[in-house]
Amino acid sequence: MFVTKSRYPVRSGDVELDIIDLIHGICQKHRCLLKEAKGDLVKNDQIHLLIDLAPDVLISTKIREITI
C-alpha cells in the first residue's frame, strides 16, 4: 500500500491512473509483475498493489527499488 505524501488529498482520478501506469513501468524495469492495482485517491489517499515476484527475490529489496 502506498499513500500520498503527508496523506495529502488528490482530487483527480487521472492522477491515480498516471501513478498506476508509472508503477507498472517500474515493475517491468525491475522484472516483477504488477498483477493488480486498486485505489481511490479521491476519497482515500492510498493505492493497493499486488505484485508477483520470483521466489528468490527479497520483498524488501524490490519494494525499495520500486519506491525510490
N, C-alpha and C. Protein backbone atom coordinates (compact mmCIF):
# COMPACT_ATOMS: atom_id res chain seq x y z
N MET A 1 0.85 -1.16 0.00
CA MET A 1 0.00 0.00 0.00
C MET A 1 0.89 1.23 0.00
N PHE A 2 0.59 2.15 -0.88
CA PHE A 2 1.30 3.42 -0.94
C PHE A 2 0.31 4.53 -0.62
N VAL A 3 0.78 5.57 0.02
CA VAL A 3 -0.07 6.72 0.33
C VAL A 3 0.61 7.98 -0.18
N THR A 4 -0.19 9.03 -0.36
CA THR A 4 0.36 10.31 -0.80
C THR A 4 1.19 10.92 0.33
N LYS A 5 2.14 11.77 -0.04
CA LYS A 5 2.99 12.41 0.96
C LYS A 5 2.14 13.19 1.94
N SER A 6 2.36 12.96 3.20
CA SER A 6 1.60 13.59 4.29
C SER A 6 0.10 13.34 4.15
N ARG A 7 -0.23 12.27 3.42
CA ARG A 7 -1.64 11.92 3.16
C ARG A 7 -2.40 13.09 2.54
N TYR A 8 -1.69 13.83 1.69
CA TYR A 8 -2.29 14.98 1.01
C TYR A 8 -3.38 14.49 0.06
N PRO A 9 -4.59 15.07 0.13
CA PRO A 9 -5.68 14.60 -0.72
C PRO A 9 -5.46 14.95 -2.19
N VAL A 10 -5.76 14.01 -3.06
CA VAL A 10 -5.68 14.22 -4.50
C VAL A 10 -7.09 14.27 -5.03
N ARG A 11 -7.41 15.26 -5.82
CA ARG A 11 -8.78 15.46 -6.27
C ARG A 11 -9.03 15.04 -7.71
N SER A 12 -8.12 14.34 -8.32
CA SER A 12 -8.29 13.94 -9.70
C SER A 12 -8.05 12.44 -9.87
N GLY A 13 -9.01 11.76 -10.49
CA GLY A 13 -8.85 10.34 -10.77
C GLY A 13 -7.78 10.07 -11.80
N ASP A 14 -7.48 11.08 -12.66
CA ASP A 14 -6.44 10.92 -13.67
C ASP A 14 -5.07 10.71 -13.03
N VAL A 15 -4.84 11.36 -11.91
CA VAL A 15 -3.57 11.21 -11.21
C VAL A 15 -3.38 9.76 -10.77
N GLU A 16 -4.44 9.15 -10.30
CA GLU A 16 -4.38 7.75 -9.86
C GLU A 16 -3.95 6.85 -11.02
N LEU A 17 -4.54 7.02 -12.19
CA LEU A 17 -4.17 6.21 -13.35
C LEU A 17 -2.73 6.45 -13.76
N ASP A 18 -2.28 7.70 -13.69
CA ASP A 18 -0.89 8.02 -14.02
C ASP A 18 0.07 7.33 -13.06
N ILE A 19 -0.26 7.33 -11.77
CA ILE A 19 0.59 6.69 -10.77
C ILE A 19 0.65 5.18 -11.00
N ILE A 20 -0.49 4.57 -11.29
CA ILE A 20 -0.53 3.12 -11.54
C ILE A 20 0.28 2.79 -12.79
N ASP A 21 0.16 3.59 -13.85
CA ASP A 21 0.95 3.37 -15.06
C ASP A 21 2.44 3.49 -14.77
N LEU A 22 2.81 4.48 -13.97
CA LEU A 22 4.21 4.68 -13.60
C LEU A 22 4.74 3.48 -12.82
N ILE A 23 3.99 3.01 -11.85
CA ILE A 23 4.41 1.85 -11.05
C ILE A 23 4.49 0.60 -11.93
N HIS A 24 3.57 0.46 -12.88
CA HIS A 24 3.60 -0.68 -13.81
C HIS A 24 4.91 -0.68 -14.59
N GLY A 25 5.31 0.48 -15.10
CA GLY A 25 6.57 0.59 -15.84
C GLY A 25 7.78 0.28 -14.97
N ILE A 26 7.76 0.76 -13.74
CA ILE A 26 8.86 0.49 -12.81
C ILE A 26 8.94 -1.00 -12.52
N CYS A 27 7.79 -1.65 -12.34
CA CYS A 27 7.78 -3.10 -12.10
C CYS A 27 8.38 -3.85 -13.27
N GLN A 28 8.03 -3.47 -14.50
CA GLN A 28 8.59 -4.13 -15.67
C GLN A 28 10.10 -3.95 -15.72
N LYS A 29 10.56 -2.76 -15.40
CA LYS A 29 12.00 -2.47 -15.40
C LYS A 29 12.74 -3.35 -14.40
N HIS A 30 12.10 -3.65 -13.28
CA HIS A 30 12.74 -4.42 -12.21
C HIS A 30 12.32 -5.90 -12.22
N ARG A 31 11.82 -6.37 -13.35
CA ARG A 31 11.49 -7.78 -13.56
C ARG A 31 10.52 -8.35 -12.53
N CYS A 32 9.47 -7.60 -12.26
CA CYS A 32 8.38 -8.12 -11.45
C CYS A 32 7.08 -7.77 -12.16
N LEU A 33 6.00 -8.39 -11.77
CA LEU A 33 4.74 -8.23 -12.48
C LEU A 33 3.70 -7.58 -11.58
N LEU A 34 3.17 -6.45 -12.03
CA LEU A 34 2.07 -5.80 -11.32
C LEU A 34 0.80 -6.51 -11.75
N LYS A 35 0.24 -7.34 -10.87
CA LYS A 35 -0.93 -8.14 -11.21
C LYS A 35 -2.23 -7.37 -11.01
N GLU A 36 -2.25 -6.51 -10.00
CA GLU A 36 -3.48 -5.77 -9.72
C GLU A 36 -3.13 -4.49 -8.97
N ALA A 37 -3.86 -3.44 -9.29
CA ALA A 37 -3.69 -2.17 -8.59
C ALA A 37 -5.07 -1.56 -8.41
N LYS A 38 -5.40 -1.28 -7.17
CA LYS A 38 -6.69 -0.67 -6.86
C LYS A 38 -6.47 0.46 -5.87
N GLY A 39 -7.24 1.47 -6.03
CA GLY A 39 -7.14 2.57 -5.08
C GLY A 39 -8.19 3.61 -5.36
N ASP A 40 -8.26 4.54 -4.50
CA ASP A 40 -9.19 5.65 -4.65
C ASP A 40 -8.54 6.86 -4.01
N LEU A 41 -7.76 7.57 -4.80
CA LEU A 41 -7.05 8.74 -4.27
C LEU A 41 -7.98 9.91 -4.04
N VAL A 42 -9.17 9.87 -4.61
CA VAL A 42 -10.10 10.98 -4.42
C VAL A 42 -10.72 10.90 -3.03
N LYS A 43 -11.25 9.73 -2.67
CA LYS A 43 -11.90 9.58 -1.36
C LYS A 43 -10.90 9.16 -0.28
N ASN A 44 -10.05 8.24 -0.62
CA ASN A 44 -9.00 7.78 0.30
C ASN A 44 -7.69 8.30 -0.26
N ASP A 45 -6.63 8.05 0.39
CA ASP A 45 -5.34 8.54 -0.10
C ASP A 45 -4.35 7.38 -0.23
N GLN A 46 -4.81 6.30 -0.87
CA GLN A 46 -3.96 5.13 -0.96
C GLN A 46 -4.22 4.31 -2.22
N ILE A 47 -3.22 3.55 -2.60
CA ILE A 47 -3.33 2.61 -3.71
C ILE A 47 -2.78 1.27 -3.21
N HIS A 48 -3.51 0.20 -3.44
CA HIS A 48 -3.08 -1.14 -3.05
C HIS A 48 -2.55 -1.83 -4.30
N LEU A 49 -1.42 -2.51 -4.16
CA LEU A 49 -0.77 -3.18 -5.28
C LEU A 49 -0.59 -4.66 -4.97
N LEU A 50 -0.81 -5.50 -5.98
CA LEU A 50 -0.49 -6.92 -5.89
C LEU A 50 0.62 -7.16 -6.91
N ILE A 51 1.81 -7.47 -6.42
CA ILE A 51 2.98 -7.61 -7.28
C ILE A 51 3.50 -9.04 -7.16
N ASP A 52 3.77 -9.66 -8.31
CA ASP A 52 4.29 -11.03 -8.36
C ASP A 52 5.81 -10.97 -8.47
N LEU A 53 6.49 -11.63 -7.54
CA LEU A 53 7.95 -11.68 -7.52
C LEU A 53 8.41 -13.12 -7.63
N ALA A 54 9.61 -13.30 -8.15
CA ALA A 54 10.22 -14.63 -8.18
C ALA A 54 10.51 -15.07 -6.74
N PRO A 55 10.51 -16.38 -6.48
CA PRO A 55 10.71 -16.87 -5.11
C PRO A 55 12.06 -16.49 -4.50
N ASP A 56 13.06 -16.25 -5.34
CA ASP A 56 14.40 -15.94 -4.81
C ASP A 56 14.62 -14.44 -4.58
N VAL A 57 13.61 -13.63 -4.79
CA VAL A 57 13.73 -12.18 -4.65
C VAL A 57 13.27 -11.76 -3.25
N LEU A 58 14.07 -10.93 -2.61
CA LEU A 58 13.69 -10.39 -1.31
C LEU A 58 12.65 -9.29 -1.49
N ILE A 59 11.55 -9.40 -0.79
CA ILE A 59 10.47 -8.42 -0.91
C ILE A 59 10.98 -7.03 -0.54
N SER A 60 11.73 -6.93 0.53
CA SER A 60 12.21 -5.61 0.98
C SER A 60 13.08 -4.94 -0.08
N THR A 61 13.89 -5.72 -0.79
CA THR A 61 14.74 -5.16 -1.84
C THR A 61 13.90 -4.62 -2.99
N LYS A 62 12.92 -5.38 -3.44
CA LYS A 62 12.07 -4.93 -4.55
C LYS A 62 11.25 -3.71 -4.18
N ILE A 63 10.70 -3.68 -2.99
CA ILE A 63 9.92 -2.51 -2.57
C ILE A 63 10.80 -1.28 -2.57
N ARG A 64 12.02 -1.41 -2.08
CA ARG A 64 12.95 -0.28 -2.07
C ARG A 64 13.25 0.17 -3.51
N GLU A 65 13.47 -0.77 -4.42
CA GLU A 65 13.75 -0.42 -5.82
C GLU A 65 12.56 0.27 -6.47
N ILE A 66 11.36 -0.20 -6.18
CA ILE A 66 10.16 0.34 -6.82
C ILE A 66 9.81 1.72 -6.29
N THR A 67 10.02 1.95 -5.01
CA THR A 67 9.57 3.21 -4.41
C THR A 67 10.62 4.31 -4.46
N ILE A 68 11.84 4.01 -4.79
CA ILE A 68 12.87 5.05 -4.83
C ILE A 68 13.02 5.58 -6.23
